[in-house]
Amino acid sequence: MTPAVRLLIRCFNMRLTDINEIKSLMARHGVHFSKSLGQNFLCAQWVPEDIAAGSTADKETGVLEVGAGVGCLTVELSALAKKVVCVELDTSLQPILGETLAECDNVEIVYGDIMKTNIPALIDEKFADCKRVVVCANLPYNITSPVLTAFVECGRFDAITVMIQKEVAKRICAKANTADYGAFSLLMQWHTKPEILFDVSPGCFIPAPKVTSAVVHMPVRREKPMAVKDEKLMFSIVRAAFNQRRKTLSNALGNGMGGKFNKEQIAAAIAKCGFDERIRGEALSLADFAALADALA
């Protein structure tokens, strides 16, 4: 990419976070904000710059984005990465993105629903010439948990950097014995090493959401944090423990494991791990759940 093109892209991006330019773009193309699609467009220039910088994308990297909006983050990623592919649900944005991304020759928009997309097949098709692939996106709040689960479970990304609701970001990074700690915390920490990079206030969006957002960076683990005999069993135990988190671990597993283990087996496994018989699931770390799964296995 030549310096002249890079400068042109920068000029485009400066306008793409300007409220008046966003409104003008949408009016010119007859597009309206969609609450049902969770659309909140960024209107603070530093935000897409800092999200893209936190993605670790470089000229050997392919980037998967979800939801381009008017393209302000897409443009920043285009300047850093080898290739950017964005899965965009809203087809009405097609003329806007055709205009705002006209100079970004390494960007491709795929119109479709990320939750119905075969993600490994998409990566194989679009990023065959990239040494690594990362996710970088301003995720719609209404799909955050399922789409992040799909990303980590597909096992194809080097890192995931997303702007999400701060409450969810705190859950992802939460430690044992805290109110935010739960099954989703353990799932994401099993697959990644999450870190909250910075907060983004509601005033940085149009229309402004009612909650604060946060950008979380999650390098994907090359190796799991510890060995476990049966990963599927471990997460069955995790879900059962947190489905009834106010109950003791023994009672939660007795009620939530579908009769797979009887009370005596559960009590023996808890004792084998050295846990108090009155312990609750929220007190167990990843290593503790792995040990309990091995004891029950």
C-alpha atoms as a PDB file:
ATOM      1  CA  MET A   1       0.000   0.000   0.000  1.00  0.00           C
ATOM      2  CA  THR A   2       1.565   3.314  -1.073  1.00  0.00           C
ATOM      3  CA  PRO A   3       1.881   6.322   1.283  1.00  0.00           C
ATOM      4  CA  ALA A   4      -0.595   8.228  -0.886  1.00  0.00           C
ATOM      5  CA  VAL A   5      -3.218   5.515  -0.541  1.00  0.00           C
ATOM      6  CA  ARG A   6      -2.547   5.258   3.189  1.00  0.00           C
ATOM      7  CA  LEU A   7      -3.095   9.027   3.490  1.00  0.00           C
ATOM      8  CA  LEU A   8      -6.315   8.753   1.501  1.00  0.00           C
ATOM      9  CA  ILE A   9      -7.525   5.975   3.783  1.00  0.00           C
ATOM     10  CA  ARG A  10      -6.710   8.094   6.825  1.00  0.00           C
ATOM     11  CA  CYS A  11      -8.772  10.948   5.377  1.00  0.00           C
ATOM     12  CA  PHE A  12     -11.670   8.576   4.796  1.00  0.00           C
ATOM     13  CA  ASN A  13     -11.442   7.279   8.338  1.00  0.00           C
ATOM     14  CA  MET A  14     -11.389  10.724   9.906  1.00  0.00           C
ATOM     15  CA  ARG A  15     -14.799  11.328   8.354  1.00  0.00           C
ATOM     16  CA  LEU A  16     -16.145   7.900   9.221  1.00  0.00           C
ATOM     17  CA  THR A  17     -16.186   8.700  12.930  1.00  0.00           C
ATOM     18  CA  ASP A  18     -17.751  12.134  12.438  1.00  0.00           C
ATOM     19  CA  ILE A  19     -21.414  12.226  13.474  1.00  0.00           C
ATOM     20  CA  ASN A  20     -22.416  14.527  10.654  1.00  0.00           C
ATOM     21  CA  GLU A  21     -20.632  12.400   8.062  1.00  0.00           C
ATOM     22  CA  ILE A  22     -22.235   9.218   9.392  1.00  0.00           C
ATOM     23  CA  LYS A  23     -25.682  10.805   9.217  1.00  0.00           C
ATOM     24  CA  SER A  24     -24.964  12.173   5.745  1.00  0.00           C
ATOM     25  CA  LEU A  25     -23.789   8.771   4.503  1.00  0.00           C
ATOM     26  CA  MET A  26     -26.873   7.043   5.805  1.00  0.00           C
ATOM     27  CA  ALA A  27     -29.254   9.670   4.477  1.00  0.00           C
ATOM     28  CA  ARG A  28     -27.569   9.667   1.068  1.00  0.00           C
ATOM     29  CA  HIS A  29     -28.049   5.927   0.750  1.00  0.00           C
ATOM     30  CA  GLY A  30     -31.432   5.730   2.492  1.00  0.00           C
ATOM     31  CA  VAL A  31     -30.115   3.653   5.414  1.00  0.00           C
ATOM     32  CA  HIS A  32     -31.416   3.832   8.990  1.00  0.00           C
ATOM     33  CA  PHE A  33     -30.031   2.661  12.334  1.00  0.00           C
ATOM     34  CA  SER A  34     -31.276  -0.816  13.219  1.00  0.00           C
ATOM     35  CA  LYS A  35     -31.896  -1.586  16.893  1.00  0.00           C
ATOM     36  CA  SER A  36     -32.760  -5.184  16.044  1.00  0.00           C
ATOM     37  CA  LEU A  37     -29.254  -5.685  14.596  1.00  0.00           C
ATOM     38  CA  GLY A  38     -27.588  -4.028  17.578  1.00  0.00           C
ATOM     39  CA  GLN A  39     -26.126  -1.222  15.464  1.00  0.00           C
ATOM     40  CA  ASN A  40     -24.143   1.461  17.304  1.00  0.00           C
ATOM     41  CA  PHE A  41     -21.628   3.276  15.105  1.00  0.00           C
ATOM     42  CA  LEU A  42     -18.400   4.690  16.523  1.00  0.00           C
ATOM     43  CA  CYS A  43     -18.049   8.471  16.535  1.00  0.00           C
ATOM     44  CA  ALA A  44     -14.711   8.815  18.416  1.00  0.00           C
ATOM     45  CA  GLN A  45     -11.657   8.463  16.197  1.00  0.00           C
ATOM     46  CA  TRP A  46      -9.305   7.117  18.866  1.00  0.00           C
ATOM     47  CA  VAL A  47     -11.458   4.039  19.452  1.00  0.00           C
ATOM     48  CA  PRO A  48     -11.057   2.211  16.108  1.00  0.00           C
ATOM     49  CA  GLU A  49      -7.388   3.212  16.036  1.00  0.00           C
ATOM     50  CA  ASP A  50      -6.746   1.676  19.464  1.00  0.00           C
ATOM     51  CA  ILE A  51      -8.841  -1.440  18.792  1.00  0.00           C
ATOM     52  CA  ALA A  52      -6.907  -2.133  15.589  1.00  0.00           C
ATOM     53  CA  ALA A  53      -3.581  -1.499  17.344  1.00  0.00           C
ATOM     54  CA  GLY A  54      -4.567  -4.002  20.047  1.00  0.00           C
ATOM     55  CA  SER A  55      -5.389  -6.711  17.495  1.00  0.00           C
ATOM     56  CA  THR A  56      -1.689  -7.519  16.806  1.00  0.00           C
ATOM     57  CA  ALA A  57      -2.452  -7.573  13.060  1.00  0.00           C
ATOM     58  CA  ASP A  58       0.477  -7.135  10.677  1.00  0.00           C
ATOM     59  CA  LYS A  59       1.256  -7.624   7.000  1.00  0.00           C
ATOM     60  CA  GLU A  60       1.285 -11.421   7.365  1.00  0.00           C
ATOM     61  CA  THR A  61      -2.058 -11.494   9.175  1.00  0.00           C
ATOM     62  CA  GLY A  62      -5.583 -12.118   7.980  1.00  0.00           C
ATOM     63  CA  VAL A  63      -8.295 -10.418  10.031  1.00  0.00           C
ATOM     64  CA  LEU A  64     -11.877 -11.574  10.428  1.00  0.00           C
ATOM     65  CA  GLU A  65     -14.200  -8.726  11.380  1.00  0.00           C
ATOM     66  CA  VAL A  66     -17.875  -9.045  12.310  1.00  0.00           C
ATOM     67  CA  GLY A  67     -20.124  -6.125  11.461  1.00  0.00           C
ATOM     68  CA  ALA A  68     -18.430  -3.347   9.498  1.00  0.00           C
ATOM     69  CA  GLY A  69     -20.871  -0.545  10.299  1.00  0.00           C
ATOM     70  CA  VAL A  70     -19.760   2.301   8.047  1.00  0.00           C
ATOM     71  CA  GLY A  71     -16.204   0.918   7.957  1.00  0.00           C
ATOM     72  CA  CYS A  72     -14.185   2.958  10.465  1.00  0.00           C
ATOM     73  CA  LEU A  73     -12.544  -0.073  12.121  1.00  0.00           C
ATOM     74  CA  THR A  74     -12.311  -1.898   8.787  1.00  0.00           C
ATOM     75  CA  VAL A  75     -10.226   0.942   7.351  1.00  0.00           C
ATOM     76  CA  GLU A  76      -7.818   0.878  10.300  1.00  0.00           C
ATOM     77  CA  LEU A  77      -7.413  -2.897   9.983  1.00  0.00           C
ATOM     78  CA  SER A  78      -6.873  -2.579   6.234  1.00  0.00           C
ATOM     79  CA  ALA A  79      -3.861  -0.335   6.870  1.00  0.00           C
ATOM     80  CA  LEU A  80      -2.296  -2.912   9.229  1.00  0.00           C
ATOM     81  CA  ALA A  81      -3.197  -6.355   7.885  1.00  0.00           C
ATOM     82  CA  LYS A  82      -2.549  -8.420   4.799  1.00  0.00           C
ATOM     83  CA  LYS A  83      -6.274  -9.052   4.286  1.00  0.00           C
ATOM     84  CA  VAL A  84      -9.512  -8.168   6.062  1.00  0.00           C
ATOM     85  CA  VAL A  85     -12.718 -10.141   5.615  1.00  0.00           C
ATOM     86  CA  CYS A  86     -15.814  -8.760   7.279  1.00  0.00           C
ATOM     87  CA  VAL A  87     -19.013 -10.745   7.748  1.00  0.00           C
ATOM     88  CA  GLU A  88     -21.835  -8.187   7.655  1.00  0.00           C
ATOM     89  CA  LEU A  89     -25.465  -9.087   8.293  1.00  0.00           C
ATOM     90  CA  ASP A  90     -27.042  -5.824   7.113  1.00  0.00           C
ATOM     91  CA  THR A  91     -27.192  -5.833   3.303  1.00  0.00           C
ATOM     92  CA  SER A  92     -28.555  -2.266   3.310  1.00  0.00           C
ATOM     93  CA  LEU A  93     -25.014  -1.114   4.210  1.00  0.00           C
ATOM     94  CA  GLN A  94     -23.663  -2.397   0.890  1.00  0.00           C
ATOM     95  CA  PRO A  95     -23.735   0.976  -0.948  1.00  0.00           C
ATOM     96  CA  ILE A  96     -22.219   2.764   2.051  1.00  0.00           C
ATOM     97  CA  LEU A  97     -19.357   0.285   2.357  1.00  0.00           C
ATOM     98  CA  GLY A  98     -18.857   0.356  -1.390  1.00  0.00           C
ATOM     99  CA  GLU A  99     -18.163   4.068  -1.008  1.00  0.00           C
ATOM    100  CA  THR A 100     -16.201   4.156   2.251  1.00  0.00           C
ATOM    101  CA  LEU A 101     -13.983   1.147   1.488  1.00  0.00           C
ATOM    102  CA  ALA A 102     -13.395   1.936  -2.188  1.00  0.00           C
ATOM    103  CA  GLU A 103      -9.661   2.502  -1.646  1.00  0.00           C
ATOM    104  CA  CYS A 104      -9.132  -0.545   0.559  1.00  0.00           C
ATOM    105  CA  ASP A 105      -8.100  -3.176  -1.970  1.00  0.00           C
ATOM    106  CA  ASN A 106      -7.318  -5.791   0.707  1.00  0.00           C
ATOM    107  CA  VAL A 107     -10.852  -5.783   2.202  1.00  0.00           C
ATOM    108  CA  GLU A 108     -13.693  -8.141   1.315  1.00  0.00           C
ATOM    109  CA  ILE A 109     -17.222  -7.897   2.704  1.00  0.00           C
ATOM    110  CA  VAL A 110     -19.150 -11.153   2.989  1.00  0.00           C
ATOM    111  CA  TYR A 111     -22.863 -10.523   3.503  1.00  0.00           C
ATOM    112  CA  GLY A 112     -24.342 -13.081   5.858  1.00  0.00           C
ATOM    113  CA  ASP A 113     -24.971 -14.104   9.458  1.00  0.00           C
ATOM    114  CA  ILE A 114     -21.800 -14.995  11.369  1.00  0.00           C
ATOM    115  CA  MET A 115     -23.852 -17.350  13.546  1.00  0.00           C
ATOM    116  CA  LYS A 116     -24.801 -19.356  10.458  1.00  0.00           C
ATOM    117  CA  THR A 117     -21.336 -19.204   8.876  1.00  0.00           C
ATOM    118  CA  ASN A 118     -19.015 -22.196   8.623  1.00  0.00           C
ATOM    119  CA  ILE A 119     -16.085 -20.354  10.170  1.00  0.00           C
ATOM    120  CA  PRO A 120     -13.309 -22.910   9.426  1.00  0.00           C
ATOM    121  CA  ALA A 121     -14.450 -23.120   5.775  1.00  0.00           C
ATOM    122  CA  LEU A 122     -14.465 -19.318   5.535  1.00  0.00           C
ATOM    123  CA  ILE A 123     -10.919 -19.148   6.913  1.00  0.00           C
ATOM    124  CA  ASP A 124      -9.679 -21.815   4.511  1.00  0.00           C
ATOM    125  CA  GLU A 125     -11.250 -20.017   1.564  1.00  0.00           C
ATOM    126  CA  LYS A 126     -10.337 -16.422   2.351  1.00  0.00           C
ATOM    127  CA  PHE A 127      -7.044 -16.588   4.277  1.00  0.00           C
ATOM    128  CA  ALA A 128      -5.094 -19.358   2.540  1.00  0.00           C
ATOM    129  CA  ASP A 129      -2.176 -16.983   1.876  1.00  0.00           C
ATOM    130  CA  CYS A 130      -1.988 -15.552   5.425  1.00  0.00           C
ATOM    131  CA  LYS A 131       0.434 -16.915   8.029  1.00  0.00           C
ATOM    132  CA  ARG A 132      -1.970 -16.261  10.896  1.00  0.00           C
ATOM    133  CA  VAL A 133      -5.587 -15.245  11.349  1.00  0.00           C
ATOM    134  CA  VAL A 134      -7.051 -13.095  14.111  1.00  0.00           C
ATOM    135  CA  VAL A 135     -10.483 -11.746  14.980  1.00  0.00           C
ATOM    136  CA  CYS A 136     -10.972  -8.014  15.498  1.00  0.00           C
ATOM    137  CA  ALA A 137     -14.471  -6.599  15.777  1.00  0.00           C
ATOM    138  CA  ASN A 138     -16.961  -4.317  17.458  1.00  0.00           C
ATOM    139  CA  LEU A 139     -19.373  -7.139  18.269  1.00  0.00           C
ATOM    140  CA  PRO A 140     -23.144  -6.631  18.481  1.00  0.00           C
ATOM    141  CA  TYR A 141     -24.059  -7.118  22.135  1.00  0.00           C
ATOM    142  CA  ASN A 142     -26.865  -9.570  21.326  1.00  0.00           C
ATOM    143  CA  ILE A 143     -24.492 -12.233  19.916  1.00  0.00           C
ATOM    144  CA  THR A 144     -21.411 -11.748  22.096  1.00  0.00           C
ATOM    145  CA  SER A 145     -21.391 -14.989  24.086  1.00  0.00           C
ATOM    146  CA  PRO A 146     -22.397 -17.420  21.305  1.00  0.00           C
ATOM    147  CA  VAL A 147     -20.069 -15.910  18.705  1.00  0.00           C
ATOM    148  CA  LEU A 148     -17.072 -15.861  21.077  1.00  0.00           C
ATOM    149  CA  THR A 149     -17.822 -19.467  21.973  1.00  0.00           C
ATOM    150  CA  ALA A 150     -17.849 -20.346  18.265  1.00  0.00           C
ATOM    151  CA  PHE A 151     -14.550 -18.521  17.744  1.00  0.00           C
ATOM    152  CA  VAL A 152     -12.653 -20.307  20.515  1.00  0.00           C
ATOM    153  CA  GLU A 153     -14.148 -23.718  19.825  1.00  0.00           C
ATOM    154  CA  CYS A 154     -13.267 -23.647  16.113  1.00  0.00           C
ATOM    155  CA  GLY A 155      -9.579 -23.513  17.069  1.00  0.00           C
ATOM    156  CA  ARG A 156      -8.478 -21.504  14.045  1.00  0.00           C
ATOM    157  CA  PHE A 157      -7.505 -18.091  15.437  1.00  0.00           C
ATOM    158  CA  ASP A 158      -4.265 -16.762  16.876  1.00  0.00           C
ATOM    159  CA  ALA A 159      -5.966 -13.993  18.871  1.00  0.00           C
ATOM    160  CA  ILE A 160      -9.368 -12.423  19.396  1.00  0.00           C
ATOM    161  CA  THR A 161      -9.743  -8.686  20.057  1.00  0.00           C
ATOM    162  CA  VAL A 162     -13.297  -7.421  20.456  1.00  0.00           C
ATOM    163  CA  MET A 163     -15.250  -4.509  21.821  1.00  0.00           C
ATOM    164  CA  ILE A 164     -18.135  -5.833  23.895  1.00  0.00           C
ATOM    165  CA  GLN A 165     -20.317  -4.839  26.815  1.00  0.00           C
ATOM    166  CA  LYS A 166     -18.042  -4.132  29.802  1.00  0.00           C
ATOM    167  CA  GLU A 167     -20.115  -6.449  31.986  1.00  0.00           C
ATOM    168  CA  VAL A 168     -19.327  -9.362  29.659  1.00  0.00           C
ATOM    169  CA  ALA A 169     -15.651  -8.402  29.446  1.00  0.00           C
ATOM    170  CA  LYS A 170     -15.462  -8.538  33.245  1.00  0.00           C
ATOM    171  CA  ARG A 171     -17.105 -11.973  33.227  1.00  0.00           C
ATOM    172  CA  ILE A 172     -14.545 -13.241  30.715  1.00  0.00           C
ATOM    173  CA  CYS A 173     -11.634 -12.115  32.892  1.00  0.00           C
ATOM    174  CA  ALA A 174     -13.188 -12.907  36.297  1.00  0.00           C
ATOM    175  CA  LYS A 175     -11.455 -14.937  38.987  1.00  0.00           C
ATOM    176  CA  ALA A 176     -12.899 -17.524  41.376  1.00  0.00           C
ATOM    177  CA  ASN A 177     -14.995 -16.317  44.322  1.00  0.00           C
ATOM    178  CA  THR A 178     -16.152 -13.144  42.541  1.00  0.00           C
ATOM    179  CA  ALA A 179     -19.665 -12.211  41.432  1.00  0.00           C
ATOM    180  CA  ASP A 180     -18.653 -12.096  37.737  1.00  0.00           C
ATOM    181  CA  TYR A 181     -17.086 -15.572  37.754  1.00  0.00           C
ATOM    182  CA  GLY A 182     -19.012 -18.288  35.952  1.00  0.00           C
ATOM    183  CA  ALA A 183     -19.055 -20.994  33.304  1.00  0.00           C
ATOM    184  CA  PHE A 184     -18.329 -18.487  30.513  1.00  0.00           C
ATOM    185  CA  SER A 185     -15.264 -17.213  32.413  1.00  0.00           C
ATOM    186  CA  LEU A 186     -13.872 -20.748  32.584  1.00  0.00           C
ATOM    187  CA  LEU A 187     -14.602 -21.514  28.942  1.00  0.00           C
ATOM    188  CA  MET A 188     -12.822 -18.395  27.684  1.00  0.00           C
ATOM    189  CA  GLN A 189      -9.898 -18.796  30.103  1.00  0.00           C
ATOM    190  CA  TRP A 190      -9.494 -22.436  29.082  1.00  0.00           C
ATOM    191  CA  HIS A 191      -9.003 -21.402  25.460  1.00  0.00           C
ATOM    192  CA  THR A 192      -7.454 -17.917  25.807  1.00  0.00           C
ATOM    193  CA  LYS A 193      -5.526 -15.548  28.062  1.00  0.00           C
ATOM    194  CA  PRO A 194      -7.979 -12.635  28.285  1.00  0.00           C
ATOM    195  CA  GLU A 195      -7.063  -9.063  29.213  1.00  0.00           C
ATOM    196  CA  ILE A 196      -9.221  -5.928  29.226  1.00  0.00           C
ATOM    197  CA  LEU A 197      -7.344  -3.233  27.285  1.00  0.00           C
ATOM    198  CA  PHE A 198      -9.575  -0.190  27.839  1.00  0.00           C
ATOM    199  CA  ASP A 199     -13.144   1.022  28.381  1.00  0.00           C
ATOM    200  CA  VAL A 200     -15.268   2.874  25.828  1.00  0.00           C
ATOM    201  CA  SER A 201     -17.982   5.208  27.111  1.00  0.00           C
ATOM    202  CA  PRO A 202     -21.509   5.382  25.614  1.00  0.00           C
ATOM    203  CA  GLY A 203     -20.746   8.834  24.233  1.00  0.00           C
ATOM    204  CA  CYS A 204     -18.325   7.270  21.731  1.00  0.00           C
ATOM    205  CA  PHE A 205     -21.254   5.790  19.784  1.00  0.00           C
ATOM    206  CA  ILE A 206     -24.197   6.935  17.728  1.00  0.00           C
ATOM    207  CA  PRO A 207     -26.822   6.116  18.868  1.00  0.00           C
ATOM    208  CA  ALA A 208     -25.367   5.935  22.386  1.00  0.00           C
ATOM    209  CA  PRO A 209     -25.910   2.569  24.129  1.00  0.00           C
ATOM    210  CA  LYS A 210     -27.064   2.498  27.745  1.00  0.00           C
ATOM    211  CA  VAL A 211     -23.956   0.664  28.933  1.00  0.00           C
ATOM    212  CA  THR A 212     -20.194   1.105  28.931  1.00  0.00           C
ATOM    213  CA  SER A 213     -18.196  -1.033  26.522  1.00  0.00           C
ATOM    214  CA  ALA A 214     -14.729  -2.515  26.893  1.00  0.00           C
ATOM    215  CA  VAL A 215     -12.106  -3.856  24.510  1.00  0.00           C
ATOM    216  CA  VAL A 216     -10.774  -7.264  25.523  1.00  0.00           C
ATOM    217  CA  HIS A 217      -7.741  -8.901  23.917  1.00  0.00           C
ATOM    218  CA  MET A 218      -7.597 -12.706  24.052  1.00  0.00           C
ATOM    219  CA  PRO A 219      -4.464 -14.440  22.741  1.00  0.00           C
ATOM    220  CA  VAL A 220      -5.508 -18.014  22.025  1.00  0.00           C
ATOM    221  CA  ARG A 221      -3.604 -20.626  24.010  1.00  0.00           C
ATOM    222  CA  ARG A 222      -1.376 -22.879  21.918  1.00  0.00           C
ATOM    223  CA  GLU A 223      -1.634 -25.450  24.699  1.00  0.00           C
ATOM    224  CA  LYS A 224      -4.407 -25.867  27.246  1.00  0.00           C
ATOM    225  CA  PRO A 225      -3.549 -24.559  30.745  1.00  0.00           C
ATOM    226  CA  MET A 226      -3.461 -28.050  32.255  1.00  0.00           C
ATOM    227  CA  ALA A 227      -4.090 -31.656  31.275  1.00  0.00           C
ATOM    228  CA  VAL A 228      -7.525 -33.211  31.783  1.00  0.00           C
ATOM    229  CA  LYS A 229      -8.691 -36.711  30.894  1.00  0.00           C
ATOM    230  CA  ASP A 230     -12.094 -35.663  29.524  1.00  0.00           C
ATOM    231  CA  GLU A 231     -12.576 -32.012  28.523  1.00  0.00           C
ATOM    232  CA  LYS A 232     -16.238 -32.551  27.664  1.00  0.00           C
ATOM    233  CA  LEU A 233     -16.902 -34.008  31.109  1.00  0.00           C
ATOM    234  CA  MET A 234     -15.082 -31.109  32.758  1.00  0.00           C
ATOM    235  CA  PHE A 235     -17.322 -28.533  31.113  1.00  0.00           C
ATOM    236  CA  SER A 236     -20.424 -30.573  31.925  1.00  0.00           C
ATOM    237  CA  ILE A 237     -19.338 -30.320  35.552  1.00  0.00           C
ATOM    238  CA  VAL A 238     -18.674 -26.587  35.182  1.00  0.00           C
ATOM    239  CA  ARG A 239     -22.129 -25.938  33.725  1.00  0.00           C
ATOM    240  CA  ALA A 240     -23.837 -28.019  36.409  1.00  0.00           C
ATOM    241  CA  ALA A 241     -21.927 -26.206  39.167  1.00  0.00           C
ATOM    242  CA  PHE A 242     -22.918 -22.745  37.932  1.00  0.00           C
ATOM    243  CA  ASN A 243     -26.485 -23.567  36.908  1.00  0.00           C
ATOM    244  CA  GLN A 244     -27.157 -23.778  40.659  1.00  0.00           C
ATOM    245  CA  ARG A 245     -24.293 -21.660  41.935  1.00  0.00           C
ATOM    246  CA  ARG A 246     -25.848 -20.946  45.335  1.00  0.00           C
ATOM    247  CA  LYS A 247     -26.009 -24.651  46.153  1.00  0.00           C
ATOM    248  CA  THR A 248     -23.064 -26.651  47.405  1.00  0.00           C
ATOM    249  CA  LEU A 249     -20.998 -28.253  44.667  1.00  0.00           C
ATOM    250  CA  SER A 250     -22.175 -31.690  45.754  1.00  0.00           C
ATOM    251  CA  ASN A 251     -25.857 -30.786  45.460  1.00  0.00           C
ATOM    252  CA  ALA A 252     -25.400 -28.862  42.212  1.00  0.00           C
ATOM    253  CA  LEU A 253     -23.682 -31.822  40.567  1.00  0.00           C
ATOM    254  CA  GLY A 254     -26.197 -34.276  41.981  1.00  0.00           C
ATOM    255  CA  ASN A 255     -29.043 -32.253  40.457  1.00  0.00           C
ATOM    256  CA  GLY A 256     -27.341 -31.124  37.269  1.00  0.00           C
ATOM    257  CA  MET A 257     -25.447 -34.105  35.870  1.00  0.00           C
ATOM    258  CA  GLY A 258     -28.520 -36.030  34.735  1.00  0.00           C
ATOM    259  CA  GLY A 259     -27.920 -38.915  37.112  1.00  0.00           C
ATOM    260  CA  LYS A 260     -24.512 -39.693  35.597  1.00  0.00           C
ATOM    261  CA  PHE A 261     -22.959 -39.869  39.062  1.00  0.00           C
ATOM    262  CA  ASN A 262     -24.589 -40.737  42.382  1.00  0.00           C
ATOM    263  CA  LYS A 263     -24.127 -38.786  45.601  1.00  0.00           C
ATOM    264  CA  GLU A 264     -21.515 -41.189  46.927  1.00  0.00           C
ATOM    265  CA  GLN A 265     -19.373 -40.908  43.781  1.00  0.00           C
ATOM    266  CA  ILE A 266     -19.590 -37.103  43.825  1.00  0.00           C
ATOM    267  CA  ALA A 267     -18.745 -36.937  47.538  1.00  0.00           C
ATOM    268  CA  ALA A 268     -15.781 -39.284  47.060  1.00  0.00           C
ATOM    269  CA  ALA A 269     -14.427 -37.205  44.140  1.00  0.00           C
ATOM    270  CA  ILE A 270     -14.769 -33.962  46.117  1.00  0.00           C
ATOM    271  CA  ALA A 271     -12.954 -35.541  49.055  1.00  0.00           C
ATOM    272  CA  LYS A 272     -10.235 -36.951  46.795  1.00  0.00           C
ATOM    273  CA  CYS A 273      -9.517 -33.428  45.530  1.00  0.00           C
ATOM    274  CA  GLY A 274      -9.231 -32.176  49.104  1.00  0.00           C
ATOM    275  CA  PHE A 275     -12.214 -29.810  48.879  1.00  0.00           C
ATOM    276  CA  ASP A 276     -14.498 -29.026  51.790  1.00  0.00           C
ATOM    277  CA  GLU A 277     -17.770 -30.946  51.465  1.00  0.00           C
ATOM    278  CA  ARG A 278     -19.671 -27.627  51.667  1.00  0.00           C
ATOM    279  CA  ILE A 279     -17.705 -25.914  48.892  1.00  0.00           C
ATOM    280  CA  ARG A 280     -19.550 -24.180  46.047  1.00  0.00           C
ATOM    281  CA  GLY A 281     -18.569 -24.294  42.406  1.00  0.00           C
ATOM    282  CA  GLU A 282     -17.767 -20.575  42.337  1.00  0.00           C
ATOM    283  CA  ALA A 283     -14.786 -21.259  44.628  1.00  0.00           C
ATOM    284  CA  LEU A 284     -13.085 -23.661  42.171  1.00  0.00           C
ATOM    285  CA  SER A 285     -10.377 -22.602  39.728  1.00  0.00           C
ATOM    286  CA  LEU A 286      -9.813 -24.116  36.292  1.00  0.00           C
ATOM    287  CA  ALA A 287      -7.241 -26.460  37.799  1.00  0.00           C
ATOM    288  CA  ASP A 288      -9.729 -27.484  40.500  1.00  0.00           C
ATOM    289  CA  PHE A 289     -12.427 -28.335  37.935  1.00  0.00           C
ATOM    290  CA  ALA A 290      -9.884 -30.318  35.907  1.00  0.00           C
ATOM    291  CA  ALA A 291      -8.891 -32.286  39.012  1.00  0.00           C
ATOM    292  CA  LEU A 292     -12.533 -32.943  39.868  1.00  0.00           C
ATOM    293  CA  ALA A 293     -13.266 -34.119  36.326  1.00  0.00           C
ATOM    294  CA  ASP A 294     -10.330 -36.509  36.497  1.00  0.00           C
ATOM    295  CA  ALA A 295     -11.530 -37.824  39.857  1.00  0.00           C
ATOM    296  CA  LEU A 296     -14.996 -38.481  38.450  1.00  0.00           C
ATOM    297  CA  ALA A 297     -13.657 -39.889  35.180  1.00  0.00           C
END
